[in-house]
């Protein structure tokens, strides 16, 4: 359904640096950088854009993870990169029995999540 998501911010450099760090454990990297906007993804797909604008955007962004260890690494890296805890790694059985997620607030205050839907 979705091709990409764009987040607006007045702190492009700060937010791009944050996402470079926190998306690496999930296998994503910065693929484009135009100074006022940067795109993140893997391969040829660029599903996340951070761009200059009236912001910040208000969004809950959940990123897929291949395994639970990557969710744990995302959470640790995000806190080290200046993110704020919004829910440590763990099972969220209210969603489904194998929903393993971690939540942080990015520098703009948006809820960023890494999630793995696979059993351990």
N, C-alpha and C. Protein backbone atom coordinates (compact mmCIF):
# COMPACT_ATOMS: atom_id res chain seq x y z
N UNK A 1 0.81 -1.19 0.00
CA UNK A 1 0.00 0.00 0.00
C UNK A 1 0.86 1.25 0.00
N UNK A 2 1.80 1.37 0.92
CA UNK A 2 2.62 2.59 1.02
C UNK A 2 3.88 2.44 0.17
N UNK A 3 4.24 3.51 -0.52
CA UNK A 3 5.48 3.55 -1.26
C UNK A 3 6.59 4.15 -0.41
N UNK A 4 6.26 5.24 0.28
CA UNK A 4 7.24 5.87 1.17
C UNK A 4 6.53 6.79 2.16
N UNK A 5 7.28 7.17 3.19
CA UNK A 5 6.81 8.08 4.22
C UNK A 5 7.82 9.22 4.30
N UNK A 6 7.33 10.44 4.47
CA UNK A 6 8.20 11.59 4.62
C UNK A 6 7.96 12.27 5.96
N UNK A 7 9.04 12.56 6.65
CA UNK A 7 8.96 13.29 7.91
C UNK A 7 9.52 14.70 7.69
N UNK A 8 8.79 15.69 8.14
CA UNK A 8 9.24 17.08 8.06
C UNK A 8 9.89 17.47 9.39
N UNK A 9 10.93 18.27 9.29
CA UNK A 9 11.61 18.72 10.50
C UNK A 9 12.34 20.03 10.22
N UNK A 10 12.59 20.78 11.26
CA UNK A 10 13.45 21.96 11.13
C UNK A 10 14.86 21.63 11.65
N UNK A 11 15.11 20.34 11.90
CA UNK A 11 16.42 19.87 12.37
C UNK A 11 16.89 18.72 11.46
N UNK A 12 16.99 18.97 10.15
CA UNK A 12 17.30 17.91 9.19
C UNK A 12 18.60 17.19 9.54
N UNK A 13 19.67 17.93 9.73
CA UNK A 13 20.98 17.29 9.99
C UNK A 13 20.93 16.41 11.24
N UNK A 14 20.31 16.90 12.30
CA UNK A 14 20.22 16.14 13.55
C UNK A 14 19.39 14.87 13.36
N UNK A 15 18.26 15.00 12.70
CA UNK A 15 17.38 13.85 12.52
C UNK A 15 18.01 12.83 11.56
N UNK A 16 18.65 13.28 10.50
CA UNK A 16 19.32 12.37 9.57
C UNK A 16 20.42 11.60 10.28
N UNK A 17 21.22 12.28 11.09
CA UNK A 17 22.28 11.60 11.84
C UNK A 17 21.69 10.56 12.79
N UNK A 18 20.59 10.90 13.46
CA UNK A 18 19.92 9.96 14.36
C UNK A 18 19.46 8.72 13.60
N UNK A 19 18.77 8.91 12.49
CA UNK A 19 18.24 7.77 11.73
C UNK A 19 19.35 6.94 11.11
N UNK A 20 20.46 7.57 10.72
CA UNK A 20 21.60 6.79 10.21
C UNK A 20 22.05 5.77 11.25
N UNK A 21 22.12 6.18 12.49
CA UNK A 21 22.57 5.29 13.57
C UNK A 21 21.53 4.24 13.91
N UNK A 22 20.28 4.65 14.10
CA UNK A 22 19.28 3.71 14.64
C UNK A 22 18.74 2.74 13.60
N UNK A 23 18.83 3.07 12.33
CA UNK A 23 18.34 2.14 11.31
C UNK A 23 19.38 1.10 10.91
N UNK A 24 20.65 1.37 11.20
CA UNK A 24 21.72 0.42 10.83
C UNK A 24 21.51 -0.98 11.42
N UNK A 25 21.14 -1.12 12.70
CA UNK A 25 20.93 -2.47 13.24
C UNK A 25 19.78 -3.22 12.55
N UNK A 26 18.90 -2.49 11.88
CA UNK A 26 17.76 -3.11 11.20
C UNK A 26 18.06 -3.37 9.73
N UNK A 27 19.28 -3.04 9.29
CA UNK A 27 19.68 -3.31 7.92
C UNK A 27 19.36 -2.22 6.92
N UNK A 28 19.05 -1.02 7.40
CA UNK A 28 18.73 0.10 6.51
C UNK A 28 19.83 1.15 6.59
N UNK A 29 20.01 1.91 5.52
CA UNK A 29 21.03 2.96 5.51
C UNK A 29 20.54 4.16 4.71
N UNK A 30 21.31 5.25 4.80
CA UNK A 30 21.00 6.45 4.03
C UNK A 30 21.43 6.19 2.59
N UNK A 31 20.49 6.29 1.67
CA UNK A 31 20.77 6.02 0.26
C UNK A 31 20.86 7.30 -0.58
N UNK A 32 20.23 8.38 -0.11
CA UNK A 32 20.26 9.66 -0.81
C UNK A 32 20.42 10.77 0.21
N UNK A 33 21.18 11.79 -0.16
CA UNK A 33 21.32 12.96 0.71
C UNK A 33 21.41 14.20 -0.16
N UNK A 34 20.39 15.05 -0.08
CA UNK A 34 20.33 16.27 -0.87
C UNK A 34 20.51 17.52 0.02
N UNK A 35 21.00 17.31 1.23
CA UNK A 35 21.20 18.43 2.14
C UNK A 35 19.91 18.83 2.86
N UNK A 36 18.87 19.15 2.11
CA UNK A 36 17.59 19.52 2.71
C UNK A 36 16.66 18.32 2.84
N UNK A 37 17.09 17.16 2.33
CA UNK A 37 16.30 15.93 2.45
C UNK A 37 17.24 14.74 2.29
N UNK A 38 16.90 13.65 2.98
CA UNK A 38 17.68 12.42 2.87
C UNK A 38 16.71 11.24 2.84
N UNK A 39 17.08 10.21 2.06
CA UNK A 39 16.25 9.03 1.94
C UNK A 39 16.94 7.80 2.50
N UNK A 40 16.16 6.97 3.19
CA UNK A 40 16.69 5.76 3.82
C UNK A 40 15.98 4.52 3.28
N UNK A 41 16.73 3.43 3.19
CA UNK A 41 16.16 2.17 2.76
C UNK A 41 17.25 1.13 2.59
N UNK A 42 16.96 0.15 1.72
CA UNK A 42 17.97 -0.84 1.36
C UNK A 42 17.69 -1.27 -0.07
N UNK A 43 18.75 -1.68 -0.75
CA UNK A 43 18.60 -2.00 -2.16
C UNK A 43 18.21 -0.77 -2.94
N UNK A 44 17.20 -0.90 -3.78
CA UNK A 44 16.73 0.22 -4.59
C UNK A 44 15.53 0.93 -3.96
N UNK A 45 14.99 0.39 -2.88
CA UNK A 45 13.81 0.96 -2.25
C UNK A 45 14.19 2.01 -1.21
N UNK A 46 13.51 3.14 -1.26
CA UNK A 46 13.77 4.25 -0.34
C UNK A 46 12.44 4.64 0.30
N UNK A 47 12.00 3.87 1.32
CA UNK A 47 10.67 4.11 1.88
C UNK A 47 10.58 5.20 2.94
N UNK A 48 11.71 5.74 3.38
CA UNK A 48 11.68 6.77 4.41
C UNK A 48 12.49 7.98 3.97
N UNK A 49 11.84 9.14 4.04
CA UNK A 49 12.50 10.40 3.71
C UNK A 49 12.39 11.35 4.90
N UNK A 50 13.49 12.05 5.17
CA UNK A 50 13.54 13.10 6.19
C UNK A 50 13.79 14.39 5.42
N UNK A 51 12.92 15.38 5.57
CA UNK A 51 13.09 16.60 4.80
C UNK A 51 12.83 17.86 5.60
N UNK A 52 13.44 18.93 5.12
CA UNK A 52 13.27 20.24 5.75
C UNK A 52 11.85 20.73 5.51
N UNK A 53 11.27 21.32 6.55
CA UNK A 53 9.94 21.87 6.41
C UNK A 53 9.40 22.30 7.74
N UNK A 54 8.20 22.86 7.69
CA UNK A 54 7.55 23.23 8.94
C UNK A 54 7.30 21.93 9.69
N UNK A 55 7.87 21.83 10.82
CA UNK A 55 7.77 20.56 11.53
C UNK A 55 7.86 20.78 13.01
N UNK A 56 7.93 19.74 13.71
CA UNK A 56 8.10 18.38 13.20
C UNK A 56 6.77 17.74 12.81
N UNK A 57 6.88 16.70 11.98
CA UNK A 57 5.73 15.87 11.67
C UNK A 57 5.33 15.15 12.95
N UNK A 58 4.09 14.76 13.03
CA UNK A 58 3.63 13.96 14.16
C UNK A 58 3.29 12.58 13.62
N UNK A 59 4.08 11.58 14.03
CA UNK A 59 3.90 10.25 13.44
C UNK A 59 4.39 9.16 14.37
N UNK A 60 3.81 7.99 14.24
CA UNK A 60 4.32 6.76 14.83
C UNK A 60 4.82 5.94 13.65
N UNK A 61 6.11 5.68 13.63
CA UNK A 61 6.74 4.98 12.53
C UNK A 61 7.27 3.65 13.03
N UNK A 62 6.78 2.54 12.47
CA UNK A 62 7.24 1.20 12.86
C UNK A 62 8.07 0.62 11.73
N UNK A 63 9.27 0.18 12.06
CA UNK A 63 10.22 -0.38 11.09
C UNK A 63 10.33 -1.88 11.32
N UNK A 64 10.22 -2.66 10.25
CA UNK A 64 10.32 -4.12 10.34
C UNK A 64 11.74 -4.55 10.67
N UNK A 65 11.83 -5.57 11.49
CA UNK A 65 13.10 -6.15 11.87
C UNK A 65 13.08 -7.64 11.54
N UNK A 66 14.21 -8.16 11.11
CA UNK A 66 14.31 -9.57 10.75
C UNK A 66 14.28 -10.49 11.96
N UNK A 67 14.72 -9.97 13.11
CA UNK A 67 14.78 -10.82 14.30
C UNK A 67 14.76 -9.96 15.57
N UNK A 68 14.58 -10.63 16.69
CA UNK A 68 14.47 -9.93 17.97
C UNK A 68 15.79 -9.28 18.39
N UNK A 69 16.91 -9.91 18.05
CA UNK A 69 18.21 -9.32 18.41
C UNK A 69 18.39 -7.96 17.75
N UNK A 70 17.89 -7.81 16.54
CA UNK A 70 17.99 -6.52 15.86
C UNK A 70 17.13 -5.46 16.53
N UNK A 71 15.97 -5.87 17.05
CA UNK A 71 15.12 -4.95 17.81
C UNK A 71 15.87 -4.47 19.05
N UNK A 72 16.50 -5.40 19.76
CA UNK A 72 17.28 -5.05 20.95
C UNK A 72 18.40 -4.08 20.60
N UNK A 73 19.11 -4.36 19.51
CA UNK A 73 20.23 -3.50 19.09
C UNK A 73 19.73 -2.12 18.67
N UNK A 74 18.61 -2.08 17.95
CA UNK A 74 17.98 -0.80 17.58
C UNK A 74 17.72 0.04 18.83
N UNK A 75 17.09 -0.55 19.83
CA UNK A 75 16.72 0.17 21.04
C UNK A 75 17.95 0.75 21.74
N UNK A 76 18.96 -0.09 21.91
CA UNK A 76 20.20 0.34 22.58
C UNK A 76 20.86 1.47 21.78
N UNK A 77 20.97 1.29 20.48
CA UNK A 77 21.59 2.30 19.62
C UNK A 77 20.80 3.60 19.64
N UNK A 78 19.47 3.51 19.61
CA UNK A 78 18.63 4.71 19.62
C UNK A 78 18.83 5.52 20.90
N UNK A 79 18.90 4.84 22.04
CA UNK A 79 19.12 5.56 23.30
C UNK A 79 20.50 6.21 23.32
N UNK A 80 21.50 5.51 22.80
CA UNK A 80 22.86 6.06 22.74
C UNK A 80 22.93 7.26 21.79
N UNK A 81 22.06 7.27 20.77
CA UNK A 81 22.07 8.33 19.76
C UNK A 81 21.22 9.54 20.17
N UNK A 82 20.63 9.49 21.35
CA UNK A 82 19.85 10.63 21.83
C UNK A 82 18.36 10.43 21.83
N UNK A 83 17.90 9.23 21.45
CA UNK A 83 16.48 8.93 21.54
C UNK A 83 16.07 8.76 22.99
N UNK A 84 14.78 8.87 23.24
CA UNK A 84 14.27 8.70 24.60
C UNK A 84 13.39 7.46 24.66
N UNK A 85 13.52 6.73 25.74
CA UNK A 85 12.74 5.51 25.93
C UNK A 85 11.24 5.79 25.84
N UNK A 86 10.55 4.92 25.10
CA UNK A 86 9.10 4.99 25.04
C UNK A 86 8.51 3.58 25.13
N UNK A 87 9.33 2.63 25.58
CA UNK A 87 8.91 1.24 25.75
C UNK A 87 10.03 0.30 25.38
N UNK A 88 10.66 -0.36 26.36
CA UNK A 88 11.81 -1.23 26.10
C UNK A 88 11.42 -2.46 25.28
N UNK A 89 12.42 -3.16 24.72
CA UNK A 89 12.13 -4.36 23.93
C UNK A 89 11.35 -5.39 24.74
N UNK A 90 10.39 -5.99 24.08
CA UNK A 90 9.62 -7.04 24.74
C UNK A 90 8.41 -7.46 23.92
N UNK A 91 7.79 -8.52 24.37
CA UNK A 91 6.57 -9.03 23.73
C UNK A 91 5.42 -8.06 24.02
N UNK A 92 4.64 -7.78 23.00
CA UNK A 92 3.42 -6.99 23.14
C UNK A 92 2.25 -7.91 22.78
N UNK A 93 1.90 -8.78 23.73
CA UNK A 93 0.89 -9.82 23.49
C UNK A 93 -0.48 -9.25 23.16
N UNK A 94 -0.72 -7.99 23.51
CA UNK A 94 -2.00 -7.38 23.18
C UNK A 94 -2.18 -7.25 21.66
N UNK A 95 -1.07 -7.27 20.90
CA UNK A 95 -1.14 -7.20 19.44
C UNK A 95 -1.22 -8.60 18.84
N UNK A 96 -0.28 -9.47 19.23
CA UNK A 96 -0.33 -10.90 18.92
C UNK A 96 0.80 -11.58 19.68
N UNK A 97 0.76 -12.90 19.84
CA UNK A 97 1.70 -13.60 20.74
C UNK A 97 3.18 -13.45 20.40
N UNK A 98 3.51 -13.13 19.15
CA UNK A 98 4.92 -13.05 18.74
C UNK A 98 5.38 -11.62 18.45
N UNK A 99 4.54 -10.64 18.77
CA UNK A 99 4.87 -9.24 18.49
C UNK A 99 5.96 -8.79 19.46
N UNK A 100 7.17 -8.61 18.94
CA UNK A 100 8.31 -8.19 19.76
C UNK A 100 8.73 -6.81 19.28
N UNK A 101 8.56 -5.81 20.12
CA UNK A 101 8.84 -4.45 19.70
C UNK A 101 9.57 -3.64 20.75
N UNK A 102 10.15 -2.53 20.29
CA UNK A 102 10.79 -1.55 21.16
C UNK A 102 10.45 -0.17 20.61
N UNK A 103 10.25 0.78 21.52
CA UNK A 103 9.80 2.12 21.15
C UNK A 103 10.73 3.18 21.71
N UNK A 104 11.05 4.17 20.88
CA UNK A 104 11.82 5.33 21.32
C UNK A 104 11.19 6.58 20.71
N UNK A 105 11.44 7.70 21.36
CA UNK A 105 11.06 8.99 20.79
C UNK A 105 12.28 9.58 20.11
N UNK A 106 12.15 9.96 18.84
CA UNK A 106 13.28 10.54 18.13
C UNK A 106 13.50 11.99 18.60
N UNK A 107 14.53 12.67 18.11
CA UNK A 107 14.81 14.02 18.58
C UNK A 107 13.67 15.02 18.39
N UNK A 108 12.75 14.74 17.46
CA UNK A 108 11.59 15.60 17.27
C UNK A 108 10.41 15.18 18.13
N UNK A 109 10.54 14.07 18.88
CA UNK A 109 9.47 13.60 19.74
C UNK A 109 8.53 12.60 19.09
N UNK A 110 8.83 12.16 17.87
CA UNK A 110 8.00 11.16 17.21
C UNK A 110 8.30 9.77 17.75
N UNK A 111 7.27 8.94 17.77
CA UNK A 111 7.39 7.57 18.25
C UNK A 111 7.96 6.69 17.14
N UNK A 112 9.15 6.14 17.37
CA UNK A 112 9.82 5.25 16.42
C UNK A 112 9.89 3.87 17.03
N UNK A 113 9.48 2.87 16.26
CA UNK A 113 9.40 1.50 16.76
C UNK A 113 10.15 0.57 15.83
N UNK A 114 10.80 -0.42 16.41
CA UNK A 114 11.32 -1.56 15.65
C UNK A 114 10.51 -2.76 16.09
N UNK A 115 10.07 -3.59 15.13
CA UNK A 115 9.20 -4.71 15.46
C UNK A 115 9.56 -5.95 14.66
N UNK A 116 9.51 -7.08 15.36
CA UNK A 116 9.69 -8.39 14.74
C UNK A 116 8.42 -9.19 15.05
N UNK A 117 7.84 -9.80 14.01
CA UNK A 117 6.60 -10.56 14.18
C UNK A 117 6.84 -12.06 14.24
N UNK A 118 8.09 -12.48 14.18
CA UNK A 118 8.43 -13.91 14.15
C UNK A 118 8.56 -14.48 15.56
N UNK A 119 8.23 -15.77 15.71
CA UNK A 119 8.49 -16.41 17.01
C UNK A 119 9.99 -16.46 17.28
N UNK A 120 10.35 -16.55 18.53
CA UNK A 120 11.76 -16.58 18.92
C UNK A 120 12.45 -17.80 18.33
